[in-house]
Amino acid sequence: MEYLILAAAGAEGDGGGAMLSLLLSFGVMIALFYFLLIRPEGKRKKRAKEMLESIQIADEVVTAGGIIGRVIDIKPDTDTVVLETGGNRTRIRILKAYIVENRTVHDE
């Protein structure tokens, strides 16, 4: 009879340790998920937003479609930018959100 009580007490102790181990594993997985996926994506979005806000007239930019042009006008009310491309000075209007790179270096 004493053996059954001790065995039952040992089984309950193992269950608590397993639960703690499971919670610890989930905590580690959530921390890894945050540091490997969520945090870098937030930093990338912040850098992209800062780049778009720093665009000035005469900057050379690259669009998501691969068009390289020089900014000649910024229209803040519609979030569009007018680019001048090519040797024949073709002008196109694009959404500011589709600019992926600013190739002009600014002194700060």
PDB file of N, CA and C in Angstrom:
ATOM      1  N   MET A   1       0.817  -1.186   0.000  1.00  0.00           N
ATOM      2  CA  MET A   1       0.000   0.000   0.000  1.00  0.00           C
ATOM      3  C   MET A   1       0.865   1.256   0.000  1.00  0.00           C
ATOM      4  N   GLU A   2       1.925   1.268   0.778  1.00  0.00           N
ATOM      5  CA  GLU A   2       2.814   2.419   0.805  1.00  0.00           C
ATOM      6  C   GLU A   2       3.491   2.611  -0.545  1.00  0.00           C
ATOM      7  N   TYR A   3       3.794   1.516  -1.226  1.00  0.00           N
ATOM      8  CA  TYR A   3       4.447   1.580  -2.518  1.00  0.00           C
ATOM      9  C   TYR A   3       3.563   2.292  -3.545  1.00  0.00           C
ATOM     10  N   LEU A   4       2.280   2.023  -3.523  1.00  0.00           N
ATOM     11  CA  LEU A   4       1.353   2.664  -4.455  1.00  0.00           C
ATOM     12  C   LEU A   4       1.258   4.168  -4.195  1.00  0.00           C
ATOM     13  N   ILE A   5       1.265   4.567  -2.941  1.00  0.00           N
ATOM     14  CA  ILE A   5       1.186   5.983  -2.613  1.00  0.00           C
ATOM     15  C   ILE A   5       2.454   6.704  -3.072  1.00  0.00           C
ATOM     16  N   LEU A   6       3.627   6.079  -2.829  1.00  0.00           N
ATOM     17  CA  LEU A   6       4.880   6.688  -3.269  1.00  0.00           C
ATOM     18  C   LEU A   6       4.968   6.754  -4.789  1.00  0.00           C
ATOM     19  N   ALA A   7       4.505   5.740  -5.483  1.00  0.00           N
ATOM     20  CA  ALA A   7       4.526   5.733  -6.945  1.00  0.00           C
ATOM     21  C   ALA A   7       3.615   6.830  -7.500  1.00  0.00           C
ATOM     22  N   ALA A   8       2.459   6.997  -6.877  1.00  0.00           N
ATOM     23  CA  ALA A   8       1.528   8.034  -7.319  1.00  0.00           C
ATOM     24  C   ALA A   8       2.125   9.420  -7.082  1.00  0.00           C
ATOM     25  N   ALA A   9       2.801   9.603  -5.949  1.00  0.00           N
ATOM     26  CA  ALA A   9       3.437  10.889  -5.656  1.00  0.00           C
ATOM     27  C   ALA A   9       4.569  11.163  -6.637  1.00  0.00           C
ATOM     28  N   GLY A  10       5.319  10.152  -7.018  1.00  0.00           N
ATOM     29  CA  GLY A  10       6.398  10.318  -7.997  1.00  0.00           C
ATOM     30  C   GLY A  10       5.856  10.668  -9.366  1.00  0.00           C
ATOM     31  N   ALA A  11       4.736  10.088  -9.730  1.00  0.00           N
ATOM     32  CA  ALA A  11       4.135  10.379 -11.039  1.00  0.00           C
ATOM     33  C   ALA A  11       3.632  11.819 -11.088  1.00  0.00           C
ATOM     34  N   GLU A  12       3.068  12.299  -9.989  1.00  0.00           N
ATOM     35  CA  GLU A  12       2.617  13.687  -9.962  1.00  0.00           C
ATOM     36  C   GLU A  12       3.792  14.645 -10.061  1.00  0.00           C
ATOM     37  N   GLY A  13       4.905  14.337  -9.465  1.00  0.00           N
ATOM     38  CA  GLY A  13       6.094  15.174  -9.540  1.00  0.00           C
ATOM     39  C   GLY A  13       6.644  15.219 -10.952  1.00  0.00           C
ATOM     40  N   ASP A  14       6.621  14.120 -11.668  1.00  0.00           N
ATOM     41  CA  ASP A  14       7.088  14.101 -13.051  1.00  0.00           C
ATOM     42  C   ASP A  14       6.193  14.938 -13.949  1.00  0.00           C
ATOM     43  N   GLY A  15       4.915  14.953 -13.708  1.00  0.00           N
ATOM     44  CA  GLY A  15       3.983  15.748 -14.504  1.00  0.00           C
ATOM     45  C   GLY A  15       4.248  17.236 -14.357  1.00  0.00           C
ATOM     46  N   GLY A  16       4.571  17.677 -13.149  1.00  0.00           N
ATOM     47  CA  GLY A  16       4.873  19.088 -12.919  1.00  0.00           C
ATOM     48  C   GLY A  16       6.154  19.499 -13.625  1.00  0.00           C
ATOM     49  N   GLY A  17       7.156  18.619 -13.603  1.00  0.00           N
ATOM     50  CA  GLY A  17       8.412  18.904 -14.292  1.00  0.00           C
ATOM     51  C   GLY A  17       8.239  18.940 -15.795  1.00  0.00           C
ATOM     52  N   ALA A  18       7.390  18.066 -16.298  1.00  0.00           N
ATOM     53  CA  ALA A  18       7.130  18.042 -17.745  1.00  0.00           C
ATOM     54  C   ALA A  18       6.407  19.310 -18.176  1.00  0.00           C
ATOM     55  N   MET A  19       5.475  19.764 -17.334  1.00  0.00           N
ATOM     56  CA  MET A  19       4.735  20.988 -17.662  1.00  0.00           C
ATOM     57  C   MET A  19       5.678  22.190 -17.663  1.00  0.00           C
ATOM     58  N   LEU A  20       6.571  22.246 -16.683  1.00  0.00           N
ATOM     59  CA  LEU A  20       7.540  23.331 -16.619  1.00  0.00           C
ATOM     60  C   LEU A  20       8.465  23.306 -17.841  1.00  0.00           C
ATOM     61  N   SER A  21       8.893  22.126 -18.220  1.00  0.00           N
ATOM     62  CA  SER A  21       9.750  21.971 -19.394  1.00  0.00           C
ATOM     63  C   SER A  21       9.022  22.402 -20.665  1.00  0.00           C
ATOM     64  N   LEU A  22       7.750  22.060 -20.767  1.00  0.00           N
ATOM     65  CA  LEU A  22       6.950  22.441 -21.929  1.00  0.00           C
ATOM     66  C   LEU A  22       6.788  23.959 -22.001  1.00  0.00           C
ATOM     67  N   LEU A  23       6.492  24.589 -20.876  1.00  0.00           N
ATOM     68  CA  LEU A  23       6.352  26.051 -20.853  1.00  0.00           C
ATOM     69  C   LEU A  23       7.666  26.740 -21.187  1.00  0.00           C
ATOM     70  N   LEU A  24       8.748  26.197 -20.669  1.00  0.00           N
ATOM     71  CA  LEU A  24      10.062  26.761 -20.964  1.00  0.00           C
ATOM     72  C   LEU A  24      10.380  26.640 -22.461  1.00  0.00           C
ATOM     73  N   SER A  25      10.040  25.502 -23.055  1.00  0.00           N
ATOM     74  CA  SER A  25      10.266  25.303 -24.490  1.00  0.00           C
ATOM     75  C   SER A  25       9.464  26.305 -25.313  1.00  0.00           C
ATOM     76  N   PHE A  26       8.196  26.516 -24.944  1.00  0.00           N
ATOM     77  CA  PHE A  26       7.371  27.489 -25.653  1.00  0.00           C
ATOM     78  C   PHE A  26       7.940  28.898 -25.509  1.00  0.00           C
ATOM     79  N   GLY A  27       8.423  29.221 -24.325  1.00  0.00           N
ATOM     80  CA  GLY A  27       9.020  30.535 -24.104  1.00  0.00           C
ATOM     81  C   GLY A  27      10.241  30.757 -24.976  1.00  0.00           C
ATOM     82  N   VAL A  28      11.078  29.751 -25.081  1.00  0.00           N
ATOM     83  CA  VAL A  28      12.273  29.846 -25.928  1.00  0.00           C
ATOM     84  C   VAL A  28      11.877  29.988 -27.392  1.00  0.00           C
ATOM     85  N   MET A  29      10.862  29.225 -27.831  1.00  0.00           N
ATOM     86  CA  MET A  29      10.416  29.309 -29.231  1.00  0.00           C
ATOM     87  C   MET A  29       9.849  30.694 -29.543  1.00  0.00           C
ATOM     88  N   ILE A  30       9.090  31.258 -28.614  1.00  0.00           N
ATOM     89  CA  ILE A  30       8.522  32.593 -28.833  1.00  0.00           C
ATOM     90  C   ILE A  30       9.633  33.639 -28.889  1.00  0.00           C
ATOM     91  N   ALA A  31      10.616  33.534 -28.006  1.00  0.00           N
ATOM     92  CA  ALA A  31      11.743  34.480 -28.019  1.00  0.00           C
ATOM     93  C   ALA A  31      12.522  34.381 -29.327  1.00  0.00           C
ATOM     94  N   LEU A  32      12.786  33.171 -29.808  1.00  0.00           N
ATOM     95  CA  LEU A  32      13.483  32.999 -31.081  1.00  0.00           C
ATOM     96  C   LEU A  32      12.676  33.575 -32.232  1.00  0.00           C
ATOM     97  N   PHE A  33      11.381  33.324 -32.238  1.00  0.00           N
ATOM     98  CA  PHE A  33      10.501  33.840 -33.275  1.00  0.00           C
ATOM     99  C   PHE A  33      10.562  35.361 -33.298  1.00  0.00           C
ATOM    100  N   TYR A  34      10.538  35.987 -32.116  1.00  0.00           N
ATOM    101  CA  TYR A  34      10.589  37.441 -32.033  1.00  0.00           C
ATOM    102  C   TYR A  34      11.905  37.987 -32.566  1.00  0.00           C
ATOM    103  N   PHE A  35      13.035  37.428 -32.097  1.00  0.00           N
ATOM    104  CA  PHE A  35      14.341  37.966 -32.466  1.00  0.00           C
ATOM    105  C   PHE A  35      14.747  37.619 -33.899  1.00  0.00           C
ATOM    106  N   LEU A  36      14.219  36.555 -34.474  1.00  0.00           N
ATOM    107  CA  LEU A  36      14.603  36.182 -35.836  1.00  0.00           C
ATOM    108  C   LEU A  36      13.647  36.689 -36.905  1.00  0.00           C
ATOM    109  N   LEU A  37      12.391  36.955 -36.557  1.00  0.00           N
ATOM    110  CA  LEU A  37      11.420  37.357 -37.575  1.00  0.00           C
ATOM    111  C   LEU A  37      10.788  38.721 -37.322  1.00  0.00           C
ATOM    112  N   ILE A  38      10.244  38.937 -36.168  1.00  0.00           N
ATOM    113  CA  ILE A  38       9.457  40.142 -35.917  1.00  0.00           C
ATOM    114  C   ILE A  38      10.339  41.376 -35.784  1.00  0.00           C
ATOM    115  N   ARG A  39      11.368  41.318 -34.980  1.00  0.00           N
ATOM    116  CA  ARG A  39      12.225  42.484 -34.739  1.00  0.00           C
ATOM    117  C   ARG A  39      12.960  42.953 -36.002  1.00  0.00           C
ATOM    118  N   PRO A  40      13.588  42.053 -36.778  1.00  0.00           N
ATOM    119  CA  PRO A  40      14.253  42.520 -38.005  1.00  0.00           C
ATOM    120  C   PRO A  40      13.284  43.141 -39.014  1.00  0.00           C
ATOM    121  N   GLU A  41      12.068  42.612 -39.094  1.00  0.00           N
ATOM    122  CA  GLU A  41      11.082  43.181 -40.013  1.00  0.00           C
ATOM    123  C   GLU A  41      10.695  44.590 -39.584  1.00  0.00           C
ATOM    124  N   GLY A  42      10.551  44.814 -38.295  1.00  0.00           N
ATOM    125  CA  GLY A  42      10.250  46.148 -37.790  1.00  0.00           C
ATOM    126  C   GLY A  42      11.363  47.132 -38.096  1.00  0.00           C
ATOM    127  N   LYS A  43      12.610  46.699 -37.950  1.00  0.00           N
ATOM    128  CA  LYS A  43      13.747  47.569 -38.262  1.00  0.00           C
ATOM    129  C   LYS A  43      13.788  47.898 -39.751  1.00  0.00           C
ATOM    130  N   ARG A  44      13.499  46.907 -40.602  1.00  0.00           N
ATOM    131  CA  ARG A  44      13.506  47.129 -42.043  1.00  0.00           C
ATOM    132  C   ARG A  44      12.432  48.144 -42.432  1.00  0.00           C
ATOM    133  N   LYS A  45      11.250  48.020 -41.845  1.00  0.00           N
ATOM    134  CA  LYS A  45      10.172  48.967 -42.141  1.00  0.00           C
ATOM    135  C   LYS A  45      10.534  50.376 -41.682  1.00  0.00           C
ATOM    136  N   LYS A  46      11.179  50.483 -40.535  1.00  0.00           N
ATOM    137  CA  LYS A  46      11.577  51.789 -40.024  1.00  0.00           C
ATOM    138  C   LYS A  46      12.597  52.447 -40.949  1.00  0.00           C
ATOM    139  N   ARG A  47      13.599  51.675 -41.423  1.00  0.00           N
ATOM    140  CA  ARG A  47      14.600  52.221 -42.349  1.00  0.00           C
ATOM    141  C   ARG A  47      13.960  52.643 -43.666  1.00  0.00           C
ATOM    142  N   ALA A  48      13.006  51.852 -44.174  1.00  0.00           N
ATOM    143  CA  ALA A  48      12.332  52.195 -45.425  1.00  0.00           C
ATOM    144  C   ALA A  48      11.525  53.483 -45.269  1.00  0.00           C
ATOM    145  N   LYS A  49      10.849  53.630 -44.137  1.00  0.00           N
ATOM    146  CA  LYS A  49      10.062  54.842 -43.892  1.00  0.00           C
ATOM    147  C   LYS A  49      10.963  56.063 -43.809  1.00  0.00           C
ATOM    148  N   GLU A  50      12.097  55.933 -43.115  1.00  0.00           N
ATOM    149  CA  GLU A  50      13.039  57.054 -43.009  1.00  0.00           C
ATOM    150  C   GLU A  50      13.603  57.422 -44.380  1.00  0.00           C
ATOM    151  N   MET A  51      13.893  56.419 -45.212  1.00  0.00           N
ATOM    152  CA  MET A  51      14.423  56.672 -46.547  1.00  0.00           C
ATOM    153  C   MET A  51      13.392  57.438 -47.391  1.00  0.00           C
ATOM    154  N   LEU A  52      12.127  57.027 -47.334  1.00  0.00           N
ATOM    155  CA  LEU A  52      11.089  57.701 -48.112  1.00  0.00           C
ATOM    156  C   LEU A  52      10.880  59.138 -47.641  1.00  0.00           C
ATOM    157  N   GLU A  53      10.970  59.358 -46.340  1.00  0.00           N
ATOM    158  CA  GLU A  53      10.789  60.717 -45.814  1.00  0.00           C
ATOM    159  C   GLU A  53      11.970  61.625 -46.144  1.00  0.00           C
ATOM    160  N   SER A  54      13.139  61.056 -46.405  1.00  0.00           N
ATOM    161  CA  SER A  54      14.323  61.876 -46.668  1.00  0.00           C
ATOM    162  C   SER A  54      14.543  62.163 -48.155  1.00  0.00           C
ATOM    163  N   ILE A  55      13.668  61.682 -49.010  1.00  0.00           N
ATOM    164  CA  ILE A  55      13.835  61.924 -50.453  1.00  0.00           C
ATOM    165  C   ILE A  55      13.658  63.410 -50.751  1.00  0.00           C
ATOM    166  N   GLN A  56      14.593  63.943 -51.538  1.00  0.00           N
ATOM    167  CA  GLN A  56      14.578  65.350 -51.913  1.00  0.00           C
ATOM    168  C   GLN A  56      14.619  65.471 -53.434  1.00  0.00           C
ATOM    169  N   ILE A  57      14.334  66.662 -53.910  1.00  0.00           N
ATOM    170  CA  ILE A  57      14.422  66.929 -55.340  1.00  0.00           C
ATOM    171  C   ILE A  57      15.880  66.778 -55.771  1.00  0.00           C
ATOM    172  N   ALA A  58      16.117  66.187 -56.919  1.00  0.00           N
ATOM    173  CA  ALA A  58      17.422  65.922 -57.533  1.00  0.00           C
ATOM    174  C   ALA A  58      18.064  64.630 -57.020  1.00  0.00           C
ATOM    175  N   ASP A  59      17.383  63.863 -56.178  1.00  0.00           N
ATOM    176  CA  ASP A  59      17.902  62.564 -55.753  1.00  0.00           C
ATOM    177  C   ASP A  59      17.711  61.544 -56.869  1.00  0.00           C
ATOM    178  N   GLU A  60      18.666  60.631 -56.982  1.00  0.00           N
ATOM    179  CA  GLU A  60      18.528  59.523 -57.924  1.00  0.00           C
ATOM    180  C   GLU A  60      17.957  58.340 -57.161  1.00  0.00           C
ATOM    181  N   VAL A  61      16.819  57.809 -57.626  1.00  0.00           N
ATOM    182  CA  VAL A  61      16.114  56.744 -56.924  1.00  0.00           C
ATOM    183  C   VAL A  61      15.868  55.564 -57.857  1.00  0.00           C
ATOM    184  N   VAL A  62      15.596  54.416 -57.240  1.00  0.00           N
ATOM    185  CA  VAL A  62      15.251  53.198 -57.969  1.00  0.00           C
ATOM    186  C   VAL A  62      13.865  52.772 -57.508  1.00  0.00           C
ATOM    187  N   THR A  63      12.992  52.435 -58.451  1.00  0.00           N
ATOM    188  CA  THR A  63      11.638  52.003 -58.102  1.00  0.00           C
ATOM    189  C   THR A  63      11.597  50.485 -57.980  1.00  0.00           C
ATOM    190  N   ALA A  64      10.473  49.974 -57.476  1.00  0.00           N
ATOM    191  CA  ALA A  64      10.289  48.536 -57.327  1.00  0.00           C
ATOM    192  C   ALA A  64      10.288  47.833 -58.688  1.00  0.00           C
ATOM    193  N   GLY A  65       9.942  48.549 -59.732  1.00  0.00           N
ATOM    194  CA  GLY A  65       9.946  47.972 -61.076  1.00  0.00           C
ATOM    195  C   GLY A  65      11.295  48.045 -61.761  1.00  0.00           C
ATOM    196  N   GLY A  66      12.292  48.631 -61.103  1.00  0.00           N
ATOM    197  CA  GLY A  66      13.632  48.708 -61.661  1.00  0.00           C
ATOM    198  C   GLY A  66      13.918  49.975 -62.435  1.00  0.00           C
ATOM    199  N   ILE A  67      13.023  50.933 -62.401  1.00  0.00           N
ATOM    200  CA  ILE A  67      13.234  52.196 -63.110  1.00  0.00           C
ATOM    201  C   ILE A  67      14.152  53.080 -62.278  1.00  0.00           C
ATOM    202  N   ILE A  68      15.181  53.613 -62.919  1.00  0.00           N
ATOM    203  CA  ILE A  68      16.098  54.525 -62.253  1.00  0.00           C
ATOM    204  C   ILE A  68      15.826  55.915 -62.796  1.00  0.00           C
ATOM    205  N   GLY A  69      15.627  56.874 -61.891  1.00  0.00           N
ATOM    206  CA  GLY A  69      15.331  58.233 -62.329  1.00  0.00           C
ATOM    207  C   GLY A  69      15.723  59.248 -61.288  1.00  0.00           C
ATOM    208  N   ARG A  70      15.654  60.503 -61.698  1.00  0.00           N
ATOM    209  CA  ARG A  70      15.977  61.616 -60.821  1.00  0.00           C
ATOM    210  C   ARG A  70      14.671  62.303 -60.431  1.00  0.00           C
ATOM    211  N   VAL A  71      14.514  62.581 -59.132  1.00  0.00           N
ATOM    212  CA  VAL A  71      13.302  63.224 -58.622  1.00  0.00           C
ATOM    213  C   VAL A  71      13.304  64.685 -59.059  1.00  0.00           C
ATOM    214  N   ILE A  72      12.215  65.108 -59.721  1.00  0.00           N
ATOM    215  CA  ILE A  72      12.120  66.511 -60.118  1.00  0.00           C
ATOM    216  C   ILE A  72      10.968  67.229 -59.430  1.00  0.00           C
ATOM    217  N   ASP A  73      10.048  66.463 -58.837  1.00  0.00           N
ATOM    218  CA  ASP A  73       8.947  67.094 -58.114  1.00  0.00           C
ATOM    219  C   ASP A  73       8.391  66.100 -57.100  1.00  0.00           C
ATOM    220  N   ILE A  74       8.045  66.615 -55.912  1.00  0.00           N
ATOM    221  CA  ILE A  74       7.433  65.793 -54.866  1.00  0.00           C
ATOM    222  C   ILE A  74       6.078  66.403 -54.567  1.00  0.00           C
ATOM    223  N   LYS A  75       5.021  65.599 -54.667  1.00  0.00           N
ATOM    224  CA  LYS A  75       3.664  66.082 -54.408  1.00  0.00           C
ATOM    225  C   LYS A  75       3.168  65.457 -53.099  1.00  0.00           C
ATOM    226  N   PRO A  76       3.303  66.184 -51.986  1.00  0.00           N
ATOM    227  CA  PRO A  76       2.972  65.605 -50.677  1.00  0.00           C
ATOM    228  C   PRO A  76       1.484  65.315 -50.485  1.00  0.00           C
ATOM    229  N   ASP A  77       0.607  66.048 -51.172  1.00  0.00           N
ATOM    230  CA  ASP A  77      -0.828  65.840 -50.975  1.00  0.00           C
ATOM    231  C   ASP A  77      -1.307  64.515 -51.557  1.00  0.00           C
ATOM    232  N   THR A  78      -0.606  63.980 -52.574  1.00  0.00           N
ATOM    233  CA  THR A  78      -1.017  62.713 -53.193  1.00  0.00           C
ATOM    234  C   THR A  78       0.005  61.599 -52.989  1.00  0.00           C
ATOM    235  N   ASP A  79       1.075  61.856 -52.254  1.00  0.00           N
ATOM    236  CA  ASP A  79       2.153  60.874 -52.036  1.00  0.00           C
ATOM    237  C   ASP A  79       2.726  60.342 -53.341  1.00  0.00           C
ATOM    238  N   THR A  80       2.864  61.236 -54.321  1.00  0.00           N
ATOM    239  CA  THR A  80       3.474  60.848 -55.586  1.00  0.00           C
ATOM    240  C   THR A  80       4.745  61.653 -55.818  1.00  0.00           C
ATOM    241  N   VAL A  81       5.565  61.123 -56.703  1.00  0.00           N
ATOM    242  CA  VAL A  81       6.836  61.733 -57.051  1.00  0.00           C
ATOM    243  C   VAL A  81       6.927  61.734 -58.574  1.00  0.00           C
ATOM    244  N   VAL A  82       7.449  62.812 -59.144  1.00  0.00           N
ATOM    245  CA  VAL A  82       7.680  62.866 -60.584  1.00  0.00           C
ATOM    246  C   VAL A  82       9.161  62.590 -60.818  1.00  0.00           C
ATOM    247  N   LEU A  83       9.433  61.575 -61.641  1.00  0.00           N
ATOM    248  CA  LEU A  83      10.803  61.191 -61.968  1.00  0.00           C
ATOM    249  C   LEU A  83      11.112  61.545 -63.399  1.00  0.00           C
ATOM    250  N   GLU A  84      12.359  61.865 -63.641  1.00  0.00           N
ATOM    251  CA  GLU A  84      12.854  62.098 -64.993  1.00  0.00           C
ATOM    252  C   GLU A  84      13.810  60.954 -65.301  1.00  0.00           C
ATOM    253  N   THR A  85      13.549  60.240 -66.380  1.00  0.00           N
ATOM    254  CA  THR A  85      14.357  59.071 -66.706  1.00  0.00           C
ATOM    255  C   THR A  85      14.907  59.179 -68.121  1.00  0.00           C
ATOM    256  N   GLY A  86      15.992  58.502 -68.359  1.00  0.00           N
ATOM    257  CA  GLY A  86      16.542  58.368 -69.705  1.00  0.00           C
ATOM    258  C   GLY A  86      17.152  59.624 -70.265  1.00  0.00           C
ATOM    259  N   GLY A  87      17.780  59.450 -71.429  1.00  0.00           N
ATOM    260  CA  GLY A  87      18.447  60.557 -72.103  1.00  0.00           C
ATOM    261  C   GLY A  87      17.477  61.534 -72.724  1.00  0.00           C
ATOM    262  N   ASN A  88      16.268  61.086 -73.049  1.00  0.00           N
ATOM    263  CA  ASN A  88      15.296  61.988 -73.671  1.00  0.00           C
ATOM    264  C   ASN A  88      14.406  62.682 -72.630  1.00  0.00           C
ATOM    265  N   ARG A  89      14.778  62.553 -71.358  1.00  0.00           N
ATOM    266  CA  ARG A  89      14.113  63.237 -70.243  1.00  0.00           C
ATOM    267  C   ARG A  89      12.623  62.933 -70.143  1.00  0.00           C
ATOM    268  N   THR A  90      12.293  61.684 -70.228  1.00  0.00           N
ATOM    269  CA  THR A  90      10.913  61.250 -70.057  1.00  0.00           C
ATOM    270  C   THR A  90      10.515  61.429 -68.599  1.00  0.00           C
ATOM    271  N   ARG A  91       9.340  61.971 -68.375  1.00  0.00           N
ATOM    272  CA  ARG A  91       8.858  62.191 -67.008  1.00  0.00           C
ATOM    273  C   ARG A  91       7.731  61.217 -66.717  1.00  0.00           C
ATOM    274  N   ILE A  92       7.826  60.598 -65.542  1.00  0.00           N
ATOM    275  CA  ILE A  92       6.766  59.696 -65.094  1.00  0.00           C
ATOM    276  C   ILE A  92       6.419  60.038 -63.652  1.00  0.00           C
ATOM    277  N   ARG A  93       5.160  59.794 -63.310  1.00  0.00           N
ATOM    278  CA  ARG A  93       4.706  60.020 -61.944  1.00  0.00           C
ATOM    279  C   ARG A  93       4.469  58.661 -61.301  1.00  0.00           C
ATOM    280  N   ILE A  94       5.059  58.454 -60.121  1.00  0.00           N
ATOM    281  CA  ILE A  94       4.917  57.178 -59.427  1.00  0.00           C
ATOM    282  C   ILE A  94       4.507  57.435 -57.980  1.00  0.00           C
ATOM    283  N   LEU A  95       3.998  56.407 -57.343  1.00  0.00           N
ATOM    284  CA  LEU A  95       3.709  56.492 -55.913  1.00  0.00           C
ATOM    285  C   LEU A  95       5.011  56.431 -55.133  1.00  0.00           C
ATOM    286  N   LYS A  96       5.105  57.231 -54.114  1.00  0.00           N
ATOM    287  CA  LYS A  96       6.313  57.300 -53.308  1.00  0.00           C
ATOM    288  C   LYS A  96       6.624  55.949 -52.645  1.00  0.00           C
ATOM    289  N   ALA A  97       5.603  55.179 -52.347  1.00  0.00           N
ATOM    290  CA  ALA A  97       5.787  53.889 -51.671  1.00  0.00           C
ATOM    291  C   ALA A  97       6.534  52.882 -52.539  1.00  0.00           C
ATOM    292  N   TYR A  98       6.586  53.091 -53.848  1.00  0.00           N
ATOM    293  CA  TYR A  98       7.262  52.149 -54.743  1.00  0.00           C
ATOM    294  C   TYR A  98       8.731  52.492 -54.966  1.00  0.00           C
ATOM    295  N   ILE A  99       9.241  53.470 -54.258  1.00  0.00           N
ATOM    296  CA  ILE A  99      10.678  53.753 -54.304  1.00  0.00           C
ATOM    297  C   ILE A  99      11.347  52.835 -53.293  1.00  0.00           C
ATOM    298  N   VAL A 100      12.318  52.046 -53.759  1.00  0.00           N
ATOM    299  CA  VAL A 100      12.962  51.071 -52.879  1.00  0.00           C
ATOM    300  C   VAL A 100      14.388  51.447 -52.507  1.00  0.00           C
ATOM    301  N   GLU A 101      14.982  52.395 -53.240  1.00  0.00           N
ATOM    302  CA  GLU A 101      16.365  52.764 -52.941  1.00  0.00           C
ATOM    303  C   GLU A 101      16.616  54.209 -53.336  1.00  0.00           C
ATOM    304  N   ASN A 102      17.340  54.918 -52.502  1.00  0.00           N
ATOM    305  CA  ASN A 102      17.790  56.276 -52.808  1.00  0.00           C
ATOM    306  C   ASN A 102      19.298  56.197 -53.004  1.00  0.00           C
ATOM    307  N   ARG A 103      19.758  56.435 -54.214  1.00  0.00           N
ATOM    308  CA  ARG A 103      21.186  56.289 -54.524  1.00  0.00           C
ATOM    309  C   ARG A 103      21.991  57.543 -54.261  1.00  0.00           C
ATOM    310  N   THR A 104      21.358  58.619 -53.848  1.00  0.00           N
ATOM    311  CA  THR A 104      22.055  59.860 -53.566  1.00  0.00           C
ATOM    312  C   THR A 104      22.495  59.866 -52.112  1.00  0.00           C
ATOM    313  N   VAL A 105      23.741  60.225 -51.871  1.00  0.00           N
ATOM    314  CA  VAL A 105      24.270  60.315 -50.519  1.00  0.00           C
ATOM    315  C   VAL A 105      24.143  61.750 -50.046  1.00  0.00           C
ATOM    316  N   HIS A 106      23.511  61.945 -48.888  1.00  0.00           N
ATOM    317  CA  HIS A 106      23.320  63.273 -48.319  1.00  0.00           C
ATOM    318  C   HIS A 106      24.273  63.459 -47.152  1.00  0.00           C
ATOM    319  N   ASP A 107      24.813  64.666 -47.026  1.00  0.00           N
ATOM    320  CA  ASP A 107      25.603  65.005 -45.846  1.00  0.00           C
ATOM    321  C   ASP A 107      24.649  65.375 -44.736  1.00  0.00           C
ATOM    322  N   GLU A 108      24.893  64.831 -43.559  1.00  0.00           N
ATOM    323  CA  GLU A 108      23.959  65.099 -42.450  1.00  0.00           C
ATOM    324  C   GLU A 108      24.580  65.950 -41.411  1.00  0.00           C
TER     325      GLU A 108
END
